[in-house]
Amino acid sequence: MFHFPFFLGGLACYFLPTIVGAARHKTNLVGIFLVNFLLGWSIVGWVVALVWALSTERIDPVRGPQTWAPQPQQQQRTLYCPHCGAGGPPGGRFCAHCGAALP
């Protein structure tokens, strides 16, 4: 009748590394549980699981999302009209002033 609380206390002590890992929201909680469950009967396995549960997780810095930026367009040279000498718009085919074809 009084053995059940002692059993629960012993079970809680045995799974202490798993409880600590769950409380610390460890990403590798399954590994901690497996080491605790399978090797916890040996003192070394229990200590390894406890140290693993108490260790800090390595946080890799996350780079921001890579956005595609168009390459800057090359400077288009201004074409000058061979007839009137006026500068036309870059990439234009005809002179804005006299209507002659640009080279």
PDB file of N, CA and C in Angstrom:
ATOM      1  N   MET A   1       0.803  -1.175   0.000  1.00  0.00           N
ATOM      2  CA  MET A   1       0.000   0.000   0.000  1.00  0.00           C
ATOM      3  C   MET A   1       0.865   1.265   0.000  1.00  0.00           C
ATOM      4  N   PHE A   2       1.927   1.281   0.745  1.00  0.00           N
ATOM      5  CA  PHE A   2       2.809   2.439   0.785  1.00  0.00           C
ATOM      6  C   PHE A   2       3.954   2.307  -0.220  1.00  0.00           C
ATOM      7  N   HIS A   3       3.983   1.238  -0.989  1.00  0.00           N
ATOM      8  CA  HIS A   3       5.068   1.012  -1.945  1.00  0.00           C
ATOM      9  C   HIS A   3       4.873   1.812  -3.229  1.00  0.00           C
ATOM     10  N   PHE A   4       3.633   2.129  -3.581  1.00  0.00           N
ATOM     11  CA  PHE A   4       3.360   2.803  -4.847  1.00  0.00           C
ATOM     12  C   PHE A   4       4.009   4.185  -4.937  1.00  0.00           C
ATOM     13  N   PRO A   5       3.954   5.042  -3.897  1.00  0.00           N
ATOM     14  CA  PRO A   5       4.635   6.350  -4.001  1.00  0.00           C
ATOM     15  C   PRO A   5       6.146   6.206  -4.175  1.00  0.00           C
ATOM     16  N   PHE A   6       6.745   5.205  -3.524  1.00  0.00           N
ATOM     17  CA  PHE A   6       8.179   4.983  -3.677  1.00  0.00           C
ATOM     18  C   PHE A   6       8.516   4.521  -5.090  1.00  0.00           C
ATOM     19  N   PHE A   7       7.620   3.727  -5.666  1.00  0.00           N
ATOM     20  CA  PHE A   7       7.806   3.274  -7.041  1.00  0.00           C
ATOM     21  C   PHE A   7       7.752   4.472  -7.998  1.00  0.00           C
ATOM     22  N   LEU A   8       6.780   5.368  -7.808  1.00  0.00           N
ATOM     23  CA  LEU A   8       6.677   6.549  -8.662  1.00  0.00           C
ATOM     24  C   LEU A   8       7.872   7.475  -8.476  1.00  0.00           C
ATOM     25  N   GLY A   9       8.348   7.611  -7.258  1.00  0.00           N
ATOM     26  CA  GLY A   9       9.536   8.436  -6.997  1.00  0.00           C
ATOM     27  C   GLY A   9      10.774   7.852  -7.660  1.00  0.00           C
ATOM     28  N   GLY A  10      10.928   6.541  -7.589  1.00  0.00           N
ATOM     29  CA  GLY A  10      12.068   5.887  -8.243  1.00  0.00           C
ATOM     30  C   GLY A  10      11.991   5.999  -9.758  1.00  0.00           C
ATOM     31  N   LEU A  11      10.788   5.866 -10.296  1.00  0.00           N
ATOM     32  CA  LEU A  11      10.594   5.998 -11.742  1.00  0.00           C
ATOM     33  C   LEU A  11      10.907   7.422 -12.194  1.00  0.00           C
ATOM     34  N   ALA A  12      10.496   8.407 -11.399  1.00  0.00           N
ATOM     35  CA  ALA A  12      10.788   9.810 -11.729  1.00  0.00           C
ATOM     36  C   ALA A  12      12.295  10.077 -11.672  1.00  0.00           C
ATOM     37  N   CYS A  13      12.976   9.496 -10.703  1.00  0.00           N
ATOM     38  CA  CYS A  13      14.432   9.662 -10.618  1.00  0.00           C
ATOM     39  C   CYS A  13      15.128   8.985 -11.793  1.00  0.00           C
ATOM     40  N   TYR A  14      14.626   7.817 -12.190  1.00  0.00           N
ATOM     41  CA  TYR A  14      15.231   7.085 -13.305  1.00  0.00           C
ATOM     42  C   TYR A  14      15.081   7.882 -14.601  1.00  0.00           C
ATOM     43  N   PHE A  15      13.924   8.480 -14.832  1.00  0.00           N
ATOM     44  CA  PHE A  15      13.670   9.222 -16.062  1.00  0.00           C
ATOM     45  C   PHE A  15      13.895  10.732 -15.890  1.00  0.00           C
ATOM     46  N   LEU A  16      14.672  11.115 -14.892  1.00  0.00           N
ATOM     47  CA  LEU A  16      14.976  12.525 -14.676  1.00  0.00           C
ATOM     48  C   LEU A  16      15.618  13.192 -15.898  1.00  0.00           C
ATOM     49  N   PRO A  17      16.584  12.541 -16.590  1.00  0.00           N
ATOM     50  CA  PRO A  17      17.137  13.196 -17.791  1.00  0.00           C
ATOM     51  C   PRO A  17      16.074  13.457 -18.865  1.00  0.00           C
ATOM     52  N   THR A  18      15.142  12.544 -19.053  1.00  0.00           N
ATOM     53  CA  THR A  18      14.081  12.744 -20.039  1.00  0.00           C
ATOM     54  C   THR A  18      13.146  13.864 -19.599  1.00  0.00           C
ATOM     55  N   ILE A  19      12.845  13.935 -18.328  1.00  0.00           N
ATOM     56  CA  ILE A  19      11.970  14.990 -17.810  1.00  0.00           C
ATOM     57  C   ILE A  19      12.643  16.357 -17.975  1.00  0.00           C
ATOM     58  N   VAL A  20      13.937  16.429 -17.678  1.00  0.00           N
ATOM     59  CA  VAL A  20      14.674  17.686 -17.828  1.00  0.00           C
ATOM     60  C   VAL A  20      14.729  18.084 -19.303  1.00  0.00           C
ATOM     61  N   GLY A  21      14.979  17.118 -20.190  1.00  0.00           N
ATOM     62  CA  GLY A  21      15.017  17.409 -21.623  1.00  0.00           C
ATOM     63  C   GLY A  21      13.679  17.892 -22.148  1.00  0.00           C
ATOM     64  N   ALA A  22      12.593  17.321 -21.654  1.00  0.00           N
ATOM     65  CA  ALA A  22      11.261  17.764 -22.079  1.00  0.00           C
ATOM     66  C   ALA A  22      10.960  19.159 -21.549  1.00  0.00           C
ATOM     67  N   ALA A  23      11.391  19.450 -20.332  1.00  0.00           N
ATOM     68  CA  ALA A  23      11.156  20.772 -19.762  1.00  0.00           C
ATOM     69  C   ALA A  23      11.971  21.843 -20.485  1.00  0.00           C
ATOM     70  N   ARG A  24      13.132  21.464 -21.026  1.00  0.00           N
ATOM     71  CA  ARG A  24      13.979  22.428 -21.739  1.00  0.00           C
ATOM     72  C   ARG A  24      13.692  22.461 -23.233  1.00  0.00           C
ATOM     73  N   HIS A  25      12.687  21.718 -23.677  1.00  0.00           N
ATOM     74  CA  HIS A  25      12.269  21.682 -25.089  1.00  0.00           C
ATOM     75  C   HIS A  25      13.434  21.340 -26.014  1.00  0.00           C
ATOM     76  N   LYS A  26      14.150  20.265 -25.684  1.00  0.00           N
ATOM     77  CA  LYS A  26      15.299  19.849 -26.478  1.00  0.00           C
ATOM     78  C   LYS A  26      14.827  19.284 -27.810  1.00  0.00           C
ATOM     79  N   THR A  27      15.571  19.596 -28.877  1.00  0.00           N
ATOM     80  CA  THR A  27      15.198  19.081 -30.196  1.00  0.00           C
ATOM     81  C   THR A  27      15.517  17.595 -30.329  1.00  0.00           C
ATOM     82  N   ASN A  28      16.464  17.099 -29.556  1.00  0.00           N
ATOM     83  CA  ASN A  28      16.850  15.693 -29.620  1.00  0.00           C
ATOM     84  C   ASN A  28      16.311  14.915 -28.418  1.00  0.00           C
ATOM     85  N   LEU A  29      15.067  15.158 -28.065  1.00  0.00           N
ATOM     86  CA  LEU A  29      14.464  14.522 -26.897  1.00  0.00           C
ATOM     87  C   LEU A  29      14.331  13.012 -27.079  1.00  0.00           C
ATOM     88  N   VAL A  30      14.090  12.573 -28.299  1.00  0.00           N
ATOM     89  CA  VAL A  30      13.960  11.125 -28.541  1.00  0.00           C
ATOM     90  C   VAL A  30      15.283  10.423 -28.247  1.00  0.00           C
ATOM     91  N   GLY A  31      16.394  11.019 -28.654  1.00  0.00           N
ATOM     92  CA  GLY A  31      17.703  10.438 -28.362  1.00  0.00           C
ATOM     93  C   GLY A  31      17.991  10.397 -26.875  1.00  0.00           C
ATOM     94  N   ILE A  32      17.628  11.452 -26.175  1.00  0.00           N
ATOM     95  CA  ILE A  32      17.825  11.482 -24.719  1.00  0.00           C
ATOM     96  C   ILE A  32      16.991  10.391 -24.065  1.00  0.00           C
ATOM     97  N   PHE A  33      15.738  10.245 -24.530  1.00  0.00           N
ATOM     98  CA  PHE A  33      14.877   9.207 -23.958  1.00  0.00           C
ATOM     99  C   PHE A  33      15.445   7.812 -24.217  1.00  0.00           C
ATOM    100  N   LEU A  34      15.922   7.574 -25.441  1.00  0.00           N
ATOM    101  CA  LEU A  34      16.441   6.236 -25.766  1.00  0.00           C
ATOM    102  C   LEU A  34      17.684   5.899 -24.949  1.00  0.00           C
ATOM    103  N   VAL A  35      18.592   6.859 -24.794  1.00  0.00           N
ATOM    104  CA  VAL A  35      19.779   6.612 -23.972  1.00  0.00           C
ATOM    105  C   VAL A  35      19.359   6.391 -22.523  1.00  0.00           C
ATOM    106  N   ASN A  36      18.409   7.177 -22.045  1.00  0.00           N
ATOM    107  CA  ASN A  36      17.934   7.047 -20.675  1.00  0.00           C
ATOM    108  C   ASN A  36      17.234   5.701 -20.458  1.00  0.00           C
ATOM    109  N   PHE A  37      16.396   5.316 -21.415  1.00  0.00           N
ATOM    110  CA  PHE A  37      15.628   4.081 -21.272  1.00  0.00           C
ATOM    111  C   PHE A  37      16.504   2.837 -21.415  1.00  0.00           C
ATOM    112  N   LEU A  38      17.392   2.849 -22.430  1.00  0.00           N
ATOM    113  CA  LEU A  38      18.180   1.645 -22.710  1.00  0.00           C
ATOM    114  C   LEU A  38      19.441   1.539 -21.859  1.00  0.00           C
ATOM    115  N   LEU A  39      20.081   2.651 -21.555  1.00  0.00           N
ATOM    116  CA  LEU A  39      21.342   2.606 -20.820  1.00  0.00           C
ATOM    117  C   LEU A  39      21.271   3.250 -19.447  1.00  0.00           C
ATOM    118  N   GLY A  40      20.081   3.695 -19.033  1.00  0.00           N
ATOM    119  CA  GLY A  40      19.948   4.363 -17.749  1.00  0.00           C
ATOM    120  C   GLY A  40      20.200   3.450 -16.565  1.00  0.00           C
ATOM    121  N   TRP A  41      20.067   2.151 -16.755  1.00  0.00           N
ATOM    122  CA  TRP A  41      20.307   1.223 -15.646  1.00  0.00           C
ATOM    123  C   TRP A  41      21.762   1.258 -15.207  1.00  0.00           C
ATOM    124  N   SER A  42      22.657   1.591 -16.186  1.00  0.00           N
ATOM    125  CA  SER A  42      24.057   1.783 -15.784  1.00  0.00           C
ATOM    126  C   SER A  42      24.199   3.251 -15.386  1.00  0.00           C
ATOM    127  N   ILE A  43      24.958   3.490 -14.411  1.00  0.00           N
ATOM    128  CA  ILE A  43      25.120   4.859 -13.922  1.00  0.00           C
ATOM    129  C   ILE A  43      25.702   5.747 -15.025  1.00  0.00           C
ATOM    130  N   VAL A  44      26.591   5.189 -15.837  1.00  0.00           N
ATOM    131  CA  VAL A  44      27.228   5.965 -16.896  1.00  0.00           C
ATOM    132  C   VAL A  44      26.179   6.419 -17.924  1.00  0.00           C
ATOM    133  N   GLY A  45      25.287   5.531 -18.327  1.00  0.00           N
ATOM    134  CA  GLY A  45      24.247   5.892 -19.287  1.00  0.00           C
ATOM    135  C   GLY A  45      23.310   6.952 -18.747  1.00  0.00           C
ATOM    136  N   TRP A  46      22.979   6.859 -17.486  1.00  0.00           N
ATOM    137  CA  TRP A  46      22.086   7.850 -16.866  1.00  0.00           C
ATOM    138  C   TRP A  46      22.764   9.219 -16.813  1.00  0.00           C
ATOM    139  N   VAL A  47      24.056   9.238 -16.450  1.00  0.00           N
ATOM    140  CA  VAL A  47      24.798  10.505 -16.383  1.00  0.00           C
ATOM    141  C   VAL A  47      24.950  11.108 -17.775  1.00  0.00           C
ATOM    142  N   VAL A  48      25.217  10.270 -18.791  1.00  0.00           N
ATOM    143  CA  VAL A  48      25.331  10.766 -20.168  1.00  0.00           C
ATOM    144  C   VAL A  48      24.013  11.393 -20.610  1.00  0.00           C
ATOM    145  N   ALA A  49      22.907  10.729 -20.324  1.00  0.00           N
ATOM    146  CA  ALA A  49      21.599  11.272 -20.700  1.00  0.00           C
ATOM    147  C   ALA A  49      21.307  12.572 -19.960  1.00  0.00           C
ATOM    148  N   LEU A  50      21.689  12.655 -18.692  1.00  0.00           N
ATOM    149  CA  LEU A  50      21.456  13.879 -17.921  1.00  0.00           C
ATOM    150  C   LEU A  50      22.309  15.033 -18.434  1.00  0.00           C
ATOM    151  N   VAL A  51      23.573  14.763 -18.743  1.00  0.00           N
ATOM    152  CA  VAL A  51      24.443  15.814 -19.283  1.00  0.00           C
ATOM    153  C   VAL A  51      23.927  16.269 -20.644  1.00  0.00           C
ATOM    154  N   TRP A  52      23.455  15.331 -21.456  1.00  0.00           N
ATOM    155  CA  TRP A  52      22.901  15.670 -22.769  1.00  0.00           C
ATOM    156  C   TRP A  52      21.650  16.536 -22.610  1.00  0.00           C
ATOM    157  N   ALA A  53      20.831  16.231 -21.626  1.00  0.00           N
ATOM    158  CA  ALA A  53      19.612  17.006 -21.403  1.00  0.00           C
ATOM    159  C   ALA A  53      19.924  18.397 -20.865  1.00  0.00           C
ATOM    160  N   LEU A  54      21.002  18.535 -20.107  1.00  0.00           N
ATOM    161  CA  LEU A  54      21.345  19.831 -19.518  1.00  0.00           C
ATOM    162  C   LEU A  54      22.225  20.693 -20.426  1.00  0.00           C
ATOM    163  N   SER A  55      22.783  20.091 -21.469  1.00  0.00           N
ATOM    164  CA  SER A  55      23.681  20.853 -22.336  1.00  0.00           C
ATOM    165  C   SER A  55      22.898  21.865 -23.164  1.00  0.00           C
ATOM    166  N   THR A  56      23.585  22.933 -23.520  1.00  0.00           N
ATOM    167  CA  THR A  56      22.952  23.945 -24.364  1.00  0.00           C
ATOM    168  C   THR A  56      23.041  23.504 -25.813  1.00  0.00           C
ATOM    169  N   GLU A  57      22.037  23.876 -26.577  1.00  0.00           N
ATOM    170  CA  GLU A  57      22.026  23.510 -27.978  1.00  0.00           C
ATOM    171  C   GLU A  57      22.803  24.541 -28.770  1.00  0.00           C
ATOM    172  N   ARG A  58      23.512  24.061 -29.759  1.00  0.00           N
ATOM    173  CA  ARG A  58      24.252  24.956 -30.638  1.00  0.00           C
ATOM    174  C   ARG A  58      23.270  25.593 -31.602  1.00  0.00           C
ATOM    175  N   ILE A  59      23.293  26.890 -31.655  1.00  0.00           N
ATOM    176  CA  ILE A  59      22.376  27.604 -32.536  1.00  0.00           C
ATOM    177  C   ILE A  59      23.178  28.135 -33.709  1.00  0.00           C
ATOM    178  N   ASP A  60      22.835  27.672 -34.896  1.00  0.00           N
ATOM    179  CA  ASP A  60      23.491  28.164 -36.092  1.00  0.00           C
ATOM    180  C   ASP A  60      22.814  29.449 -36.535  1.00  0.00           C
ATOM    181  N   PRO A  61      23.615  30.450 -36.848  1.00  0.00           N
ATOM    182  CA  PRO A  61      22.981  31.689 -37.317  1.00  0.00           C
ATOM    183  C   PRO A  61      22.282  31.446 -38.652  1.00  0.00           C
ATOM    184  N   VAL A  62      21.091  31.948 -38.737  1.00  0.00           N
ATOM    185  CA  VAL A  62      20.299  31.756 -39.940  1.00  0.00           C
ATOM    186  C   VAL A  62      20.451  32.988 -40.811  1.00  0.00           C
ATOM    187  N   ARG A  63      20.805  32.735 -42.049  1.00  0.00           N
ATOM    188  CA  ARG A  63      20.908  33.843 -42.984  1.00  0.00           C
ATOM    189  C   ARG A  63      19.521  34.214 -43.455  1.00  0.00           C
ATOM    190  N   GLY A  64      19.338  35.469 -43.759  1.00  0.00           N
ATOM    191  CA  GLY A  64      18.056  35.944 -44.256  1.00  0.00           C
ATOM    192  C   GLY A  64      17.739  35.324 -45.601  1.00  0.00           C
ATOM    193  N   PRO A  65      16.518  35.435 -46.029  1.00  0.00           N
ATOM    194  CA  PRO A  65      16.144  34.844 -47.308  1.00  0.00           C
ATOM    195  C   PRO A  65      16.907  35.512 -48.450  1.00  0.00           C
ATOM    196  N   GLN A  66      17.343  34.686 -49.354  1.00  0.00           N
ATOM    197  CA  GLN A  66      18.064  35.193 -50.508  1.00  0.00           C
ATOM    198  C   GLN A  66      17.057  35.740 -51.513  1.00  0.00           C
ATOM    199  N   THR A  67      17.210  36.967 -51.866  1.00  0.00           N
ATOM    200  CA  THR A  67      16.311  37.561 -52.843  1.00  0.00           C
ATOM    201  C   THR A  67      17.065  37.750 -54.139  1.00  0.00           C
ATOM    202  N   TRP A  68      16.340  37.610 -55.214  1.00  0.00           N
ATOM    203  CA  TRP A  68      16.947  37.787 -56.514  1.00  0.00           C
ATOM    204  C   TRP A  68      16.873  39.251 -56.880  1.00  0.00           C
ATOM    205  N   ALA A  69      18.013  39.807 -57.178  1.00  0.00           N
ATOM    206  CA  ALA A  69      18.055  41.200 -57.613  1.00  0.00           C
ATOM    207  C   ALA A  69      18.558  41.205 -59.045  1.00  0.00           C
ATOM    208  N   PRO A  70      17.855  41.859 -59.919  1.00  0.00           N
ATOM    209  CA  PRO A  70      18.323  41.885 -61.306  1.00  0.00           C
ATOM    210  C   PRO A  70      19.669  42.606 -61.396  1.00  0.00           C
ATOM    211  N   GLN A  71      20.484  42.136 -62.295  1.00  0.00           N
ATOM    212  CA  GLN A  71      21.771  42.759 -62.513  1.00  0.00           C
ATOM    213  C   GLN A  71      21.553  44.160 -63.072  1.00  0.00           C
ATOM    214  N   PRO A  72      22.354  45.106 -62.633  1.00  0.00           N
ATOM    215  CA  PRO A  72      22.179  46.448 -63.200  1.00  0.00           C
ATOM    216  C   PRO A  72      22.489  46.411 -64.695  1.00  0.00           C
ATOM    217  N   GLN A  73      21.638  47.052 -65.436  1.00  0.00           N
ATOM    218  CA  GLN A  73      21.819  47.047 -66.877  1.00  0.00           C
ATOM    219  C   GLN A  73      23.027  47.895 -67.232  1.00  0.00           C
ATOM    220  N   GLN A  74      23.673  47.469 -68.284  1.00  0.00           N
ATOM    221  CA  GLN A  74      24.832  48.221 -68.741  1.00  0.00           C
ATOM    222  C   GLN A  74      24.364  49.572 -69.273  1.00  0.00           C
ATOM    223  N   GLN A  75      25.200  50.527 -69.063  1.00  0.00           N
ATOM    224  CA  GLN A  75      24.880  51.861 -69.561  1.00  0.00           C
ATOM    225  C   GLN A  75      24.795  51.805 -71.086  1.00  0.00           C
ATOM    226  N   GLN A  76      23.656  52.198 -71.592  1.00  0.00           N
ATOM    227  CA  GLN A  76      23.530  52.264 -73.041  1.00  0.00           C
ATOM    228  C   GLN A  76      24.023  53.629 -73.489  1.00  0.00           C
ATOM    229  N   ARG A  77      24.816  53.616 -74.504  1.00  0.00           N
ATOM    230  CA  ARG A  77      25.372  54.888 -74.956  1.00  0.00           C
ATOM    231  C   ARG A  77      24.323  55.658 -75.742  1.00  0.00           C
ATOM    232  N   THR A  78      24.374  56.940 -75.570  1.00  0.00           N
ATOM    233  CA  THR A  78      23.444  57.810 -76.283  1.00  0.00           C
ATOM    234  C   THR A  78      23.878  57.903 -77.742  1.00  0.00           C
ATOM    235  N   LEU A  79      22.937  57.676 -78.626  1.00  0.00           N
ATOM    236  CA  LEU A  79      23.231  57.772 -80.061  1.00  0.00           C
ATOM    237  C   LEU A  79      22.887  59.168 -80.545  1.00  0.00           C
ATOM    238  N   TYR A  80      23.751  59.719 -81.378  1.00  0.00           N
ATOM    239  CA  TYR A  80      23.529  61.043 -81.943  1.00  0.00           C
ATOM    240  C   TYR A  80      23.114  60.900 -83.398  1.00  0.00           C
ATOM    241  N   CYS A  81      22.176  61.712 -83.756  1.00  0.00           N
ATOM    242  CA  CYS A  81      21.633  61.679 -85.116  1.00  0.00           C
ATOM    243  C   CYS A  81      22.699  62.180 -86.101  1.00  0.00           C
ATOM    244  N   PRO A  82      22.931  61.422 -87.177  1.00  0.00           N
ATOM    245  CA  PRO A  82      23.928  61.874 -88.143  1.00  0.00           C
ATOM    246  C   PRO A  82      23.439  63.079 -88.969  1.00  0.00           C
ATOM    247  N   HIS A  83      22.120  63.357 -88.990  1.00  0.00           N
ATOM    248  CA  HIS A  83      21.594  64.448 -89.795  1.00  0.00           C
ATOM    249  C   HIS A  83      21.525  65.756 -89.015  1.00  0.00           C
ATOM    250  N   CYS A  84      20.940  65.726 -87.795  1.00  0.00           N
ATOM    251  CA  CYS A  84      20.756  66.983 -87.056  1.00  0.00           C
ATOM    252  C   CYS A  84      21.685  67.104 -85.865  1.00  0.00           C
ATOM    253  N   GLY A  85      22.300  65.991 -85.421  1.00  0.00           N
ATOM    254  CA  GLY A  85      23.248  66.027 -84.314  1.00  0.00           C
ATOM    255  C   GLY A  85      22.603  65.965 -82.940  1.00  0.00           C
ATOM    256  N   ALA A  86      21.287  65.812 -82.891  1.00  0.00           N
ATOM    257  CA  ALA A  86      20.611  65.741 -81.589  1.00  0.00           C
ATOM    258  C   ALA A  86      20.815  64.353 -80.984  1.00  0.00           C
ATOM    259  N   GLY A  87      20.879  64.320 -79.669  1.00  0.00           N
ATOM    260  CA  GLY A  87      21.017  63.041 -78.974  1.00  0.00           C
ATOM    261  C   GLY A  87      19.669  62.359 -78.850  1.00  0.00           C
ATOM    262  N   GLY A  88      19.611  61.113 -79.245  1.00  0.00           N
ATOM    263  CA  GLY A  88      18.365  60.367 -79.159  1.00  0.00           C
ATOM    264  C   GLY A  88      18.285  59.583 -77.859  1.00  0.00           C
ATOM    265  N   PRO A  89      17.131  59.019 -77.552  1.00  0.00           N
ATOM    266  CA  PRO A  89      17.023  58.206 -76.327  1.00  0.00           C
ATOM    267  C   PRO A  89      17.844  56.926 -76.477  1.00  0.00           C
ATOM    268  N   PRO A  90      18.421  56.451 -75.392  1.00  0.00           N
ATOM    269  CA  PRO A  90      19.207  55.219 -75.487  1.00  0.00           C
ATOM    270  C   PRO A  90      18.343  54.074 -75.992  1.00  0.00           C
ATOM    271  N   GLY A  91      18.837  53.371 -76.964  1.00  0.00           N
ATOM    272  CA  GLY A  91      18.123  52.229 -77.513  1.00  0.00           C
ATOM    273  C   GLY A  91      17.075  52.616 -78.536  1.00  0.00           C
ATOM    274  N   GLY A  92      16.951  53.909 -78.833  1.00  0.00           N
ATOM    275  CA  GLY A  92      15.969  54.336 -79.823  1.00  0.00           C
ATOM    276  C   GLY A  92      16.446  54.029 -81.235  1.00  0.00           C
ATOM    277  N   ARG A  93      15.505  53.925 -82.171  1.00  0.00           N
ATOM    278  CA  ARG A  93      15.860  53.625 -83.557  1.00  0.00           C
ATOM    279  C   ARG A  93      15.803  54.863 -84.451  1.00  0.00           C
ATOM    280  N   PHE A  94      15.026  55.848 -84.026  1.00  0.00           N
ATOM    281  CA  PHE A  94      14.848  57.047 -84.851  1.00  0.00           C
ATOM    282  C   PHE A  94      15.096  58.292 -84.010  1.00  0.00           C
ATOM    283  N   CYS A  95      15.557  59.339 -84.640  1.00  0.00           N
ATOM    284  CA  CYS A  95      15.819  60.610 -83.983  1.00  0.00           C
ATOM    285  C   CYS A  95      14.484  61.253 -83.603  1.00  0.00           C
ATOM    286  N   ALA A  96      14.425  61.766 -82.379  1.00  0.00           N
ATOM    287  CA  ALA A  96      13.199  62.393 -81.894  1.00  0.00           C
ATOM    288  C   ALA A  96      12.950  63.746 -82.550  1.00  0.00           C
ATOM    289  N   HIS A  97      14.001  64.369 -83.086  1.00  0.00           N
ATOM    290  CA  HIS A  97      13.863  65.707 -83.649  1.00  0.00           C
ATOM    291  C   HIS A  97      13.542  65.670 -85.151  1.00  0.00           C
ATOM    292  N   CYS A  98      14.337  64.916 -85.905  1.00  0.00           N
ATOM    293  CA  CYS A  98      14.139  64.954 -87.347  1.00  0.00           C
ATOM    294  C   CYS A  98      13.539  63.666 -87.903  1.00  0.00           C
ATOM    295  N   GLY A  99      13.482  62.599 -87.130  1.00  0.00           N
ATOM    296  CA  GLY A  99      12.889  61.345 -87.566  1.00  0.00           C
ATOM    297  C   GLY A  99      13.807  60.479 -88.401  1.00  0.00           C
ATOM    298  N   ALA A 100      15.066  60.855 -88.526  1.00  0.00           N
ATOM    299  CA  ALA A 100      16.029  60.052 -89.295  1.00  0.00           C
ATOM    300  C   ALA A 100      16.398  58.799 -88.498  1.00  0.00           C
ATOM    301  N   ALA A 101      16.777  57.760 -89.222  1.00  0.00           N
ATOM    302  CA  ALA A 101      17.197  56.512 -88.573  1.00  0.00           C
ATOM    303  C   ALA A 101      18.533  56.702 -87.896  1.00  0.00           C
ATOM    304  N   LEU A 102      18.615  56.222 -86.652  1.00  0.00           N
ATOM    305  CA  LEU A 102      19.866  56.308 -85.904  1.00  0.00           C
ATOM    306  C   LEU A 102      20.726  55.101 -86.258  1.00  0.00           C
ATOM    307  N   PRO A 103      22.056  55.298 -86.248  1.00  0.00           N
ATOM    308  CA  PRO A 103      22.944  54.177 -86.606  1.00  0.00           C
ATOM    309  C   PRO A 103      22.917  53.066 -85.570  1.00  0.00           C
TER     310      PRO A 103
END
